[in-house]
N, C-alpha and C. Protein backbone atom coordinates (compact mmCIF):
# COMPACT_ATOMS: atom_id res chain seq x y z
N UNK A 1 0.83 -1.20 0.00
CA UNK A 1 0.00 0.00 0.00
C UNK A 1 0.87 1.26 0.00
N UNK A 2 1.99 1.20 0.73
CA UNK A 2 2.89 2.35 0.74
C UNK A 2 3.41 2.66 -0.66
N UNK A 3 3.72 1.60 -1.42
CA UNK A 3 4.21 1.79 -2.79
C UNK A 3 3.13 2.41 -3.67
N UNK A 4 1.88 1.95 -3.50
CA UNK A 4 0.77 2.49 -4.29
C UNK A 4 0.59 3.97 -4.00
N UNK A 5 0.61 4.36 -2.72
CA UNK A 5 0.47 5.76 -2.37
C UNK A 5 1.64 6.59 -2.89
N UNK A 6 2.81 5.98 -2.97
CA UNK A 6 3.97 6.67 -3.53
C UNK A 6 3.73 7.01 -5.00
N UNK A 7 3.16 6.06 -5.74
CA UNK A 7 2.90 6.28 -7.16
C UNK A 7 1.72 7.23 -7.37
N UNK A 8 0.74 7.22 -6.45
CA UNK A 8 -0.35 8.21 -6.51
C UNK A 8 0.24 9.61 -6.34
N UNK A 9 1.14 9.75 -5.37
CA UNK A 9 1.80 11.04 -5.15
C UNK A 9 2.62 11.44 -6.36
N UNK A 10 3.25 10.46 -7.02
CA UNK A 10 4.00 10.74 -8.24
C UNK A 10 3.06 11.30 -9.32
N UNK A 11 1.86 10.72 -9.44
CA UNK A 11 0.88 11.21 -10.40
C UNK A 11 0.49 12.65 -10.13
N UNK A 12 0.27 12.97 -8.83
CA UNK A 12 -0.04 14.35 -8.45
C UNK A 12 1.13 15.26 -8.81
N UNK A 13 2.34 14.81 -8.54
CA UNK A 13 3.54 15.61 -8.82
C UNK A 13 3.71 15.86 -10.31
N UNK A 14 3.36 14.87 -11.13
CA UNK A 14 3.46 15.03 -12.58
C UNK A 14 2.46 16.05 -13.10
N UNK A 15 1.26 16.09 -12.49
CA UNK A 15 0.20 16.95 -12.97
C UNK A 15 0.28 18.37 -12.41
N UNK A 16 0.95 18.54 -11.26
CA UNK A 16 0.88 19.80 -10.53
C UNK A 16 1.67 20.97 -11.14
N UNK A 17 2.85 20.76 -11.75
CA UNK A 17 3.61 21.92 -12.23
C UNK A 17 2.79 22.81 -13.16
N UNK A 18 2.90 24.13 -12.96
CA UNK A 18 2.14 25.07 -13.77
C UNK A 18 2.61 25.01 -15.21
N UNK A 19 1.68 24.81 -16.11
CA UNK A 19 1.97 24.72 -17.53
C UNK A 19 0.73 25.10 -18.32
N UNK A 20 0.77 24.95 -19.64
CA UNK A 20 -0.37 25.35 -20.46
C UNK A 20 -1.66 24.61 -20.15
N UNK A 21 -1.58 23.33 -19.80
CA UNK A 21 -2.79 22.55 -19.51
C UNK A 21 -3.45 23.05 -18.23
N UNK A 22 -2.65 23.28 -17.18
CA UNK A 22 -3.20 23.80 -15.92
C UNK A 22 -3.78 25.20 -16.12
N UNK A 23 -3.10 26.03 -16.90
CA UNK A 23 -3.59 27.38 -17.16
C UNK A 23 -4.93 27.34 -17.90
N UNK A 24 -5.03 26.46 -18.88
CA UNK A 24 -6.28 26.34 -19.64
C UNK A 24 -7.40 25.76 -18.79
N UNK A 25 -7.07 24.80 -17.92
CA UNK A 25 -8.10 24.22 -17.05
C UNK A 25 -8.61 25.25 -16.06
N UNK A 26 -7.73 26.07 -15.53
CA UNK A 26 -8.14 27.14 -14.62
C UNK A 26 -9.07 28.12 -15.34
N UNK A 27 -8.71 28.49 -16.56
CA UNK A 27 -9.53 29.40 -17.34
C UNK A 27 -10.90 28.79 -17.63
N UNK A 28 -10.91 27.49 -17.94
CA UNK A 28 -12.18 26.80 -18.22
C UNK A 28 -13.09 26.79 -16.99
N UNK A 29 -12.50 26.55 -15.82
CA UNK A 29 -13.29 26.55 -14.59
C UNK A 29 -13.84 27.92 -14.24
N UNK A 30 -13.04 28.96 -14.48
CA UNK A 30 -13.50 30.32 -14.21
C UNK A 30 -14.66 30.71 -15.10
N UNK A 31 -14.64 30.24 -16.34
CA UNK A 31 -15.67 30.61 -17.29
C UNK A 31 -16.93 29.76 -17.17
N UNK A 32 -16.74 28.47 -17.00
CA UNK A 32 -17.88 27.55 -17.16
C UNK A 32 -18.18 26.70 -15.93
N UNK A 33 -17.33 26.75 -14.92
CA UNK A 33 -17.63 26.02 -13.70
C UNK A 33 -16.93 24.66 -13.58
N UNK A 34 -17.28 23.97 -12.50
CA UNK A 34 -16.60 22.73 -12.13
C UNK A 34 -16.67 21.65 -13.21
N UNK A 35 -17.85 21.38 -13.73
CA UNK A 35 -18.04 20.27 -14.67
C UNK A 35 -17.16 20.38 -15.89
N UNK A 36 -17.10 21.55 -16.50
CA UNK A 36 -16.29 21.74 -17.70
C UNK A 36 -14.80 21.67 -17.39
N UNK A 37 -14.40 22.22 -16.22
CA UNK A 37 -12.99 22.17 -15.84
C UNK A 37 -12.55 20.73 -15.60
N UNK A 38 -13.40 19.95 -14.93
CA UNK A 38 -13.04 18.57 -14.62
C UNK A 38 -12.99 17.72 -15.88
N UNK A 39 -13.98 17.87 -16.77
CA UNK A 39 -14.00 17.07 -17.99
C UNK A 39 -12.86 17.48 -18.92
N UNK A 40 -12.44 18.75 -18.85
CA UNK A 40 -11.25 19.20 -19.58
C UNK A 40 -10.03 18.42 -19.08
N UNK A 41 -9.92 18.29 -17.75
CA UNK A 41 -8.81 17.54 -17.16
C UNK A 41 -8.84 16.07 -17.54
N UNK A 42 -10.04 15.49 -17.66
CA UNK A 42 -10.16 14.09 -18.07
C UNK A 42 -9.67 13.93 -19.51
N UNK A 43 -10.00 14.89 -20.37
CA UNK A 43 -9.51 14.85 -21.75
C UNK A 43 -8.00 14.88 -21.80
N UNK A 44 -7.40 15.76 -20.96
CA UNK A 44 -5.94 15.83 -20.89
C UNK A 44 -5.36 14.52 -20.37
N UNK A 45 -6.06 13.90 -19.42
CA UNK A 45 -5.60 12.63 -18.86
C UNK A 45 -5.58 11.52 -19.92
N UNK A 46 -6.58 11.50 -20.79
CA UNK A 46 -6.62 10.49 -21.86
C UNK A 46 -5.39 10.64 -22.75
N UNK A 47 -4.98 11.88 -23.02
CA UNK A 47 -3.76 12.11 -23.80
C UNK A 47 -2.54 11.59 -23.04
N UNK A 48 -2.52 11.82 -21.71
CA UNK A 48 -1.42 11.30 -20.89
C UNK A 48 -1.34 9.77 -20.99
N UNK A 49 -2.50 9.13 -20.93
CA UNK A 49 -2.54 7.66 -21.01
C UNK A 49 -2.03 7.19 -22.36
N UNK A 50 -2.36 7.93 -23.42
CA UNK A 50 -1.86 7.57 -24.76
C UNK A 50 -0.34 7.57 -24.77
N UNK A 51 0.27 8.58 -24.15
CA UNK A 51 1.73 8.65 -24.12
C UNK A 51 2.32 7.58 -23.21
N UNK A 52 1.62 7.26 -22.13
CA UNK A 52 2.07 6.16 -21.28
C UNK A 52 2.12 4.86 -22.07
N UNK A 53 1.09 4.63 -22.89
CA UNK A 53 1.04 3.41 -23.70
C UNK A 53 2.15 3.41 -24.75
N UNK A 54 2.43 4.59 -25.35
CA UNK A 54 3.50 4.68 -26.34
C UNK A 54 4.85 4.34 -25.72
N UNK A 55 5.08 4.86 -24.50
CA UNK A 55 6.34 4.54 -23.81
C UNK A 55 6.39 3.05 -23.50
N UNK A 56 5.26 2.51 -23.03
CA UNK A 56 5.19 1.08 -22.67
C UNK A 56 5.47 0.20 -23.88
N UNK A 57 5.01 0.63 -25.07
CA UNK A 57 5.17 -0.18 -26.28
C UNK A 57 6.51 0.07 -26.97
N UNK A 58 7.34 0.91 -26.36
CA UNK A 58 8.68 1.12 -26.91
C UNK A 58 8.76 2.14 -28.03
N UNK A 59 7.77 3.06 -28.11
CA UNK A 59 7.77 4.06 -29.17
C UNK A 59 8.66 5.26 -28.84
N UNK A 60 9.35 5.19 -27.70
CA UNK A 60 10.16 6.32 -27.25
C UNK A 60 11.21 6.72 -28.28
N UNK A 61 11.81 5.74 -28.96
CA UNK A 61 12.88 6.03 -29.92
C UNK A 61 12.33 6.74 -31.16
N UNK A 62 11.10 6.38 -31.57
CA UNK A 62 10.48 7.03 -32.72
C UNK A 62 10.18 8.49 -32.41
N UNK A 63 9.64 8.76 -31.22
CA UNK A 63 9.28 10.13 -30.85
C UNK A 63 10.51 10.99 -30.65
N UNK A 64 11.63 10.37 -30.32
CA UNK A 64 12.85 11.14 -30.05
C UNK A 64 13.57 11.57 -31.33
N UNK A 65 13.11 11.13 -32.52
CA UNK A 65 13.73 11.54 -33.77
C UNK A 65 13.59 13.06 -33.94
N UNK A 66 14.65 13.76 -34.39
CA UNK A 66 14.61 15.23 -34.50
C UNK A 66 13.44 15.75 -35.33
N UNK A 67 13.14 15.12 -36.46
CA UNK A 67 12.04 15.60 -37.31
C UNK A 67 10.69 15.44 -36.60
N UNK A 68 10.55 14.37 -35.83
CA UNK A 68 9.32 14.15 -35.08
C UNK A 68 9.20 15.17 -33.95
N UNK A 69 10.32 15.44 -33.28
CA UNK A 69 10.31 16.45 -32.23
C UNK A 69 9.92 17.82 -32.78
N UNK A 70 10.47 18.16 -33.95
CA UNK A 70 10.17 19.45 -34.58
C UNK A 70 8.68 19.55 -34.90
N UNK A 71 8.12 18.45 -35.43
CA UNK A 71 6.69 18.44 -35.74
C UNK A 71 5.86 18.65 -34.48
N UNK A 72 6.24 17.99 -33.39
CA UNK A 72 5.50 18.11 -32.14
C UNK A 72 5.59 19.53 -31.58
N UNK A 73 6.80 20.13 -31.64
CA UNK A 73 6.95 21.51 -31.18
C UNK A 73 6.07 22.45 -32.00
N UNK A 74 6.05 22.26 -33.33
CA UNK A 74 5.24 23.12 -34.20
C UNK A 74 3.75 22.95 -33.93
N UNK A 75 3.33 21.69 -33.77
CA UNK A 75 1.93 21.40 -33.49
C UNK A 75 1.51 22.07 -32.18
N UNK A 76 2.36 21.95 -31.17
CA UNK A 76 2.08 22.59 -29.89
C UNK A 76 2.03 24.10 -30.01
N UNK A 77 2.91 24.67 -30.84
CA UNK A 77 2.93 26.12 -31.06
C UNK A 77 1.59 26.60 -31.62
N UNK A 78 1.09 25.93 -32.66
CA UNK A 78 -0.15 26.36 -33.29
C UNK A 78 -1.35 26.19 -32.35
N UNK A 79 -1.45 25.04 -31.69
CA UNK A 79 -2.60 24.78 -30.82
C UNK A 79 -2.62 25.74 -29.63
N UNK A 80 -1.47 25.90 -28.96
CA UNK A 80 -1.43 26.75 -27.77
C UNK A 80 -1.60 28.22 -28.10
N UNK A 81 -0.97 28.68 -29.18
CA UNK A 81 -1.09 30.08 -29.55
C UNK A 81 -2.53 30.40 -29.93
N UNK A 82 -3.15 29.52 -30.72
CA UNK A 82 -4.55 29.74 -31.11
C UNK A 82 -5.47 29.74 -29.89
N UNK A 83 -5.29 28.74 -29.02
CA UNK A 83 -6.14 28.64 -27.83
C UNK A 83 -5.95 29.85 -26.92
N UNK A 84 -4.70 30.27 -26.74
CA UNK A 84 -4.42 31.42 -25.89
C UNK A 84 -5.02 32.70 -26.43
N UNK A 85 -4.88 32.93 -27.74
CA UNK A 85 -5.44 34.15 -28.36
C UNK A 85 -6.96 34.13 -28.29
N UNK A 86 -7.57 32.97 -28.57
CA UNK A 86 -9.02 32.85 -28.49
C UNK A 86 -9.51 33.15 -27.07
N UNK A 87 -8.83 32.61 -26.08
CA UNK A 87 -9.19 32.84 -24.68
C UNK A 87 -8.99 34.31 -24.30
N UNK A 88 -7.92 34.92 -24.81
CA UNK A 88 -7.63 36.32 -24.51
C UNK A 88 -8.72 37.23 -25.09
N UNK A 89 -9.17 36.92 -26.30
CA UNK A 89 -10.22 37.72 -26.93
C UNK A 89 -11.52 37.63 -26.14
N UNK A 90 -11.79 36.44 -25.58
CA UNK A 90 -13.02 36.24 -24.82
C UNK A 90 -12.96 36.82 -23.42
N UNK A 91 -11.78 37.16 -22.95
CA UNK A 91 -11.61 37.61 -21.56
C UNK A 91 -12.46 38.83 -21.24
N UNK A 92 -12.52 39.77 -22.16
CA UNK A 92 -13.28 40.98 -21.91
C UNK A 92 -14.76 40.85 -22.18
N UNK A 93 -15.17 39.70 -22.75
CA UNK A 93 -16.57 39.53 -23.14
C UNK A 93 -17.35 38.64 -22.18
N UNK A 94 -16.66 37.75 -21.47
CA UNK A 94 -17.36 36.78 -20.62
C UNK A 94 -17.84 37.43 -19.33
N UNK A 95 -18.98 37.01 -18.85
CA UNK A 95 -19.52 37.52 -17.60
C UNK A 95 -18.93 36.80 -16.41
N UNK A 96 -18.49 35.55 -16.59
CA UNK A 96 -17.94 34.71 -15.53
C UNK A 96 -18.99 34.31 -14.49
N UNK A 97 -20.18 34.83 -14.63
CA UNK A 97 -21.25 34.48 -13.69
C UNK A 97 -22.11 33.39 -14.28
N UNK A 98 -22.56 33.61 -15.50
CA UNK A 98 -23.40 32.62 -16.17
C UNK A 98 -22.62 31.80 -17.18
N UNK A 99 -21.52 32.37 -17.68
CA UNK A 99 -20.75 31.68 -18.70
C UNK A 99 -21.44 31.77 -20.04
N UNK A 100 -20.74 31.59 -21.14
CA UNK A 100 -21.35 31.63 -22.46
C UNK A 100 -22.31 30.48 -22.65
N UNK A 101 -23.52 30.79 -22.98
CA UNK A 101 -24.56 29.77 -23.11
C UNK A 101 -24.65 29.24 -24.55
N UNK A 102 -24.92 27.96 -24.66
CA UNK A 102 -25.26 27.36 -25.94
C UNK A 102 -24.08 27.16 -26.88
N UNK A 103 -22.87 27.46 -26.45
CA UNK A 103 -21.73 27.36 -27.36
C UNK A 103 -20.75 26.27 -26.95
N UNK A 104 -20.57 26.08 -25.66
CA UNK A 104 -19.58 25.12 -25.17
C UNK A 104 -20.26 23.94 -24.51
N UNK A 105 -20.02 22.75 -25.04
CA UNK A 105 -20.56 21.53 -24.46
C UNK A 105 -19.47 20.80 -23.69
N UNK A 106 -19.87 19.82 -22.90
CA UNK A 106 -18.88 19.02 -22.18
C UNK A 106 -17.95 18.30 -23.14
N UNK A 107 -18.51 17.83 -24.28
CA UNK A 107 -17.69 17.14 -25.28
C UNK A 107 -16.63 18.08 -25.84
N UNK A 108 -17.01 19.33 -26.06
CA UNK A 108 -16.05 20.29 -26.58
C UNK A 108 -14.96 20.58 -25.55
N UNK A 109 -15.33 20.64 -24.28
CA UNK A 109 -14.33 20.85 -23.22
C UNK A 109 -13.39 19.66 -23.13
N UNK A 110 -13.95 18.43 -23.26
CA UNK A 110 -13.12 17.23 -23.23
C UNK A 110 -12.13 17.24 -24.40
N UNK A 111 -12.64 17.59 -25.59
CA UNK A 111 -11.80 17.62 -26.79
C UNK A 111 -10.69 18.66 -26.65
N UNK A 112 -11.03 19.82 -26.07
CA UNK A 112 -10.03 20.87 -25.86
C UNK A 112 -8.90 20.37 -24.96
N UNK A 113 -9.28 19.69 -23.85
CA UNK A 113 -8.27 19.15 -22.94
C UNK A 113 -7.39 18.12 -23.61
N UNK A 114 -8.02 17.24 -24.40
CA UNK A 114 -7.26 16.18 -25.08
C UNK A 114 -6.28 16.78 -26.09
N UNK A 115 -6.76 17.71 -26.94
CA UNK A 115 -5.91 18.29 -27.98
C UNK A 115 -4.79 19.12 -27.38
N UNK A 116 -5.10 19.86 -26.31
CA UNK A 116 -4.07 20.70 -25.70
C UNK A 116 -2.97 19.86 -25.09
N UNK A 117 -3.33 18.74 -24.47
CA UNK A 117 -2.33 17.88 -23.83
C UNK A 117 -1.58 17.04 -24.86
N UNK A 118 -2.28 16.50 -25.87
CA UNK A 118 -1.64 15.64 -26.86
C UNK A 118 -0.67 16.43 -27.72
N UNK A 119 -0.89 17.77 -27.83
CA UNK A 119 -0.03 18.60 -28.67
C UNK A 119 1.04 19.32 -27.86
N UNK A 120 1.09 19.05 -26.55
CA UNK A 120 2.03 19.75 -25.68
C UNK A 120 3.35 18.98 -25.61
N UNK A 121 4.41 19.48 -26.24
CA UNK A 121 5.69 18.76 -26.22
C UNK A 121 6.23 18.54 -24.81
N UNK A 122 5.92 19.46 -23.89
CA UNK A 122 6.38 19.28 -22.51
C UNK A 122 5.75 18.03 -21.89
N UNK A 123 4.49 17.78 -22.24
CA UNK A 123 3.83 16.56 -21.77
C UNK A 123 4.55 15.33 -22.30
N UNK A 124 4.89 15.39 -23.58
CA UNK A 124 5.57 14.26 -24.22
C UNK A 124 6.92 14.00 -23.56
N UNK A 125 7.72 15.07 -23.43
CA UNK A 125 9.05 14.92 -22.84
C UNK A 125 8.96 14.47 -21.39
N UNK A 126 7.93 14.97 -20.69
CA UNK A 126 7.72 14.60 -19.30
C UNK A 126 7.46 13.11 -19.16
N UNK A 127 6.56 12.60 -20.01
CA UNK A 127 6.21 11.18 -19.92
C UNK A 127 7.36 10.29 -20.39
N UNK A 128 8.06 10.74 -21.43
CA UNK A 128 9.20 9.95 -21.89
C UNK A 128 10.27 9.88 -20.81
N UNK A 129 10.50 11.02 -20.14
CA UNK A 129 11.54 11.05 -19.12
C UNK A 129 11.12 10.39 -17.82
N UNK A 130 10.00 10.84 -17.24
CA UNK A 130 9.57 10.37 -15.93
C UNK A 130 9.00 8.95 -16.00
N UNK A 131 7.98 8.76 -16.86
CA UNK A 131 7.36 7.43 -16.91
C UNK A 131 8.31 6.41 -17.51
N UNK A 132 9.15 6.86 -18.46
CA UNK A 132 10.14 5.94 -19.01
C UNK A 132 11.09 5.43 -17.94
N UNK A 133 11.49 6.33 -17.04
CA UNK A 133 12.38 5.92 -15.94
C UNK A 133 11.67 4.99 -14.96
N UNK A 134 10.41 5.35 -14.65
CA UNK A 134 9.60 4.50 -13.75
C UNK A 134 9.42 3.12 -14.34
N UNK A 135 9.15 3.09 -15.65
CA UNK A 135 8.93 1.81 -16.34
C UNK A 135 10.19 0.96 -16.30
N UNK A 136 11.31 1.60 -16.57
CA UNK A 136 12.58 0.86 -16.56
C UNK A 136 12.88 0.29 -15.17
N UNK A 137 12.56 1.07 -14.14
CA UNK A 137 12.85 0.64 -12.77
C UNK A 137 11.91 -0.48 -12.33
N UNK A 138 10.60 -0.29 -12.55
CA UNK A 138 9.62 -1.26 -12.06
C UNK A 138 9.62 -2.53 -12.90
N UNK A 139 9.88 -2.41 -14.19
CA UNK A 139 9.84 -3.58 -15.06
C UNK A 139 10.92 -4.59 -14.68
N UNK A 140 12.03 -4.07 -14.16
CA UNK A 140 13.12 -4.96 -13.78
C UNK A 140 12.91 -5.60 -12.41
N UNK A 141 11.96 -5.06 -11.64
CA UNK A 141 11.76 -5.54 -10.27
C UNK A 141 10.41 -6.18 -10.02
N UNK A 142 9.39 -5.84 -10.85
CA UNK A 142 8.02 -6.29 -10.57
C UNK A 142 7.41 -6.97 -11.79
N UNK A 143 6.30 -7.65 -11.55
CA UNK A 143 5.60 -8.35 -12.62
C UNK A 143 4.76 -7.36 -13.43
N UNK A 144 4.19 -7.85 -14.55
CA UNK A 144 3.35 -7.00 -15.39
C UNK A 144 2.11 -6.53 -14.64
N UNK A 145 1.54 -7.39 -13.81
CA UNK A 145 0.36 -7.01 -13.03
C UNK A 145 0.68 -5.87 -12.06
N UNK A 146 1.82 -5.97 -11.39
CA UNK A 146 2.23 -4.91 -10.47
C UNK A 146 2.50 -3.61 -11.22
N UNK A 147 3.09 -3.73 -12.40
CA UNK A 147 3.35 -2.54 -13.22
C UNK A 147 2.05 -1.86 -13.61
N UNK A 148 1.03 -2.66 -13.96
CA UNK A 148 -0.28 -2.11 -14.31
C UNK A 148 -0.91 -1.40 -13.11
N UNK A 149 -0.76 -1.99 -11.92
CA UNK A 149 -1.31 -1.38 -10.70
C UNK A 149 -0.62 -0.04 -10.42
N UNK A 150 0.70 0.00 -10.55
CA UNK A 150 1.43 1.24 -10.27
C UNK A 150 1.10 2.31 -11.32
N UNK A 151 0.90 1.89 -12.57
CA UNK A 151 0.50 2.84 -13.61
C UNK A 151 -0.88 3.41 -13.31
N UNK A 152 -1.79 2.53 -12.85
CA UNK A 152 -3.13 2.98 -12.47
C UNK A 152 -3.06 3.95 -11.30
N UNK A 153 -2.13 3.72 -10.37
CA UNK A 153 -1.96 4.63 -9.23
C UNK A 153 -1.50 6.01 -9.70
N UNK A 154 -0.62 6.05 -10.70
CA UNK A 154 -0.19 7.33 -11.27
C UNK A 154 -1.38 8.06 -11.87
N UNK A 155 -2.23 7.33 -12.60
CA UNK A 155 -3.43 7.91 -13.21
C UNK A 155 -4.37 8.45 -12.14
N UNK A 156 -4.52 7.71 -11.03
CA UNK A 156 -5.36 8.17 -9.92
C UNK A 156 -4.84 9.49 -9.35
N UNK A 157 -3.53 9.60 -9.24
CA UNK A 157 -2.92 10.84 -8.75
C UNK A 157 -3.23 12.02 -9.66
N UNK A 158 -3.17 11.79 -10.98
CA UNK A 158 -3.48 12.85 -11.94
C UNK A 158 -4.96 13.24 -11.83
N UNK A 159 -5.84 12.24 -11.66
CA UNK A 159 -7.27 12.52 -11.49
C UNK A 159 -7.54 13.35 -10.24
N UNK A 160 -6.82 13.06 -9.17
CA UNK A 160 -6.97 13.83 -7.93
C UNK A 160 -6.58 15.29 -8.15
N UNK A 161 -5.50 15.51 -8.89
CA UNK A 161 -5.09 16.88 -9.17
C UNK A 161 -6.12 17.59 -10.05
N UNK A 162 -6.67 16.87 -11.04
CA UNK A 162 -7.71 17.46 -11.90
C UNK A 162 -8.92 17.87 -11.06
N UNK A 163 -9.30 17.02 -10.12
CA UNK A 163 -10.42 17.31 -9.24
C UNK A 163 -10.13 18.55 -8.39
N UNK A 164 -8.90 18.64 -7.90
CA UNK A 164 -8.49 19.80 -7.10
C UNK A 164 -8.54 21.08 -7.92
N UNK A 165 -7.99 21.04 -9.14
CA UNK A 165 -7.97 22.23 -10.00
C UNK A 165 -9.38 22.67 -10.37
N UNK A 166 -10.25 21.70 -10.69
CA UNK A 166 -11.63 22.02 -11.05
C UNK A 166 -12.36 22.64 -9.86
N UNK A 167 -12.12 22.12 -8.67
CA UNK A 167 -12.76 22.65 -7.47
C UNK A 167 -12.29 24.07 -7.17
N UNK A 168 -10.97 24.28 -7.22
CA UNK A 168 -10.42 25.61 -6.94
C UNK A 168 -10.95 26.66 -7.92
N UNK A 169 -10.96 26.31 -9.21
CA UNK A 169 -11.39 27.28 -10.23
C UNK A 169 -12.87 27.59 -10.10
N UNK A 170 -13.70 26.58 -9.78
CA UNK A 170 -15.13 26.82 -9.64
C UNK A 170 -15.45 27.62 -8.38
N UNK A 171 -14.68 27.39 -7.29
CA UNK A 171 -14.86 28.17 -6.07
C UNK A 171 -14.48 29.63 -6.33
N UNK A 172 -13.36 29.83 -7.02
CA UNK A 172 -12.92 31.19 -7.35
C UNK A 172 -13.96 31.89 -8.21
N UNK A 173 -14.57 31.15 -9.11
CA UNK A 173 -15.59 31.71 -10.00
C UNK A 173 -16.78 32.24 -9.21
N UNK A 174 -17.13 31.55 -8.13
CA UNK A 174 -18.29 31.93 -7.34
C UNK A 174 -17.99 33.00 -6.29
N UNK A 175 -16.72 33.11 -5.86
CA UNK A 175 -16.40 33.99 -4.75
C UNK A 175 -15.73 35.30 -5.16
N UNK A 176 -14.91 35.25 -6.22
CA UNK A 176 -14.12 36.42 -6.56
C UNK A 176 -14.89 37.41 -7.43
N UNK A 177 -14.47 38.65 -7.36
CA UNK A 177 -15.10 39.71 -8.14
C UNK A 177 -14.82 39.49 -9.64
N UNK A 178 -15.78 39.88 -10.47
CA UNK A 178 -15.67 39.64 -11.92
C UNK A 178 -14.40 40.25 -12.51
N UNK A 179 -14.06 41.46 -12.10
CA UNK A 179 -12.86 42.12 -12.65
C UNK A 179 -11.59 41.34 -12.33
N UNK A 180 -11.54 40.76 -11.12
CA UNK A 180 -10.38 39.97 -10.74
C UNK A 180 -10.31 38.68 -11.55
N UNK A 181 -11.49 38.10 -11.83
CA UNK A 181 -11.54 36.88 -12.64
C UNK A 181 -11.05 37.17 -14.06
N UNK A 182 -11.39 38.34 -14.57
CA UNK A 182 -10.92 38.74 -15.91
C UNK A 182 -9.40 38.82 -15.93
N UNK A 183 -8.82 39.40 -14.87
CA UNK A 183 -7.35 39.51 -14.78
C UNK A 183 -6.71 38.11 -14.76
N UNK A 184 -7.28 37.20 -13.95
CA UNK A 184 -6.75 35.83 -13.89
C UNK A 184 -6.85 35.16 -15.25
N UNK A 185 -7.98 35.36 -15.93
CA UNK A 185 -8.18 34.76 -17.25
C UNK A 185 -7.17 35.30 -18.25
N UNK A 186 -6.90 36.61 -18.19
CA UNK A 186 -5.93 37.21 -19.10
C UNK A 186 -4.53 36.65 -18.84
N UNK A 187 -4.17 36.50 -17.56
CA UNK A 187 -2.87 35.92 -17.21
C UNK A 187 -2.75 34.49 -17.73
N UNK A 188 -3.83 33.70 -17.55
CA UNK A 188 -3.84 32.32 -18.05
C UNK A 188 -3.68 32.29 -19.57
N UNK A 189 -4.37 33.20 -20.26
CA UNK A 189 -4.30 33.26 -21.72
C UNK A 189 -2.89 33.63 -22.18
N UNK A 190 -2.30 34.63 -21.53
CA UNK A 190 -0.94 35.04 -21.88
C UNK A 190 0.06 33.93 -21.59
N UNK A 191 -0.20 33.15 -20.53
CA UNK A 191 0.66 32.01 -20.22
C UNK A 191 0.63 31.00 -21.36
N UNK A 192 -0.56 30.69 -21.88
CA UNK A 192 -0.68 29.75 -23.00
C UNK A 192 0.04 30.28 -24.23
N UNK A 193 -0.13 31.57 -24.52
CA UNK A 193 0.54 32.17 -25.68
C UNK A 193 2.06 32.12 -25.49
N UNK A 194 2.51 32.40 -24.27
CA UNK A 194 3.94 32.35 -23.97
C UNK A 194 4.53 30.97 -24.19
N UNK A 195 3.83 29.94 -23.72
CA UNK A 195 4.28 28.57 -23.96
C UNK A 195 4.27 28.26 -25.45
N UNK A 196 3.26 28.74 -26.16
CA UNK A 196 3.18 28.51 -27.61
C UNK A 196 4.37 29.10 -28.33
N UNK A 197 4.73 30.34 -27.97
CA UNK A 197 5.90 30.98 -28.58
C UNK A 197 7.18 30.21 -28.27
N UNK A 198 7.28 29.75 -27.02
CA UNK A 198 8.45 28.95 -26.63
C UNK A 198 8.56 27.69 -27.48
N UNK A 199 7.43 27.02 -27.70
CA UNK A 199 7.42 25.81 -28.54
C UNK A 199 7.83 26.14 -29.97
N UNK A 200 7.35 27.30 -30.48
CA UNK A 200 7.71 27.72 -31.83
C UNK A 200 9.20 27.97 -31.97
N UNK A 201 9.80 28.59 -30.97
CA UNK A 201 11.24 28.85 -30.97
C UNK A 201 12.02 27.53 -30.96
N UNK A 202 11.56 26.57 -30.15
CA UNK A 202 12.23 25.27 -30.10
C UNK A 202 12.14 24.56 -31.45
N UNK A 203 10.99 24.65 -32.11
CA UNK A 203 10.84 24.03 -33.43
C UNK A 203 11.79 24.69 -34.43
N UNK A 204 11.89 26.02 -34.38
CA UNK A 204 12.79 26.74 -35.28
C UNK A 204 14.24 26.31 -35.06
N UNK A 205 14.64 26.16 -33.79
CA UNK A 205 16.00 25.76 -33.47
C UNK A 205 16.30 24.36 -34.01
N UNK A 206 15.31 23.45 -33.90
CA UNK A 206 15.53 22.09 -34.39
C UNK A 206 15.63 22.04 -35.91
N UNK A 207 14.84 22.88 -36.58
CA UNK A 207 14.78 22.82 -38.04
C UNK A 207 15.88 23.60 -38.73
N UNK A 208 16.31 24.71 -38.13
CA UNK A 208 17.20 25.63 -38.85
C UNK A 208 18.53 25.92 -38.16
N UNK A 209 18.78 25.34 -36.99
CA UNK A 209 20.03 25.63 -36.31
C UNK A 209 20.80 24.34 -36.02
């Protein structure tokens, strides 16, 4: 049980660092409430699981190819920059009290979370580095069943963090003044744009330097 809790904590640690996915989830919760923020996190988690499976199946060497890395950086640049600009444009228009009606469904929130995470090169490098190391360590010491249990524990940790982020953002939405929420949303949007530009620079360096 101690080992399981250790891997749950590892999952929380993997999900907790501030990045484009957390910034977008916070913005989603401020605009639309708990349900949309949580389902956004679930979409991002599905992308995480996809990368876990790729590492497990030995695709790490394919993803590490320079041309593939460049493609991933570029893809992340376009998705994050577009999402950040779209969110920034909406910052001055949203009421944050009722949220935009009739435009955003739970499926759309789930898709946004999945696309943002699957296109995030930091997510990819994180899973290749962290989960790859965990896999190498546990595979040499434990059976396949134990490895599956520890992987599930990591996923549980990520789900706990998603639940925490969704709760915090929905509480802030209900308690904080609208003007302050707009400021937080603008900061989150600029954070996404900043990460997008960083990804674009990395792609340029791989392709032309």
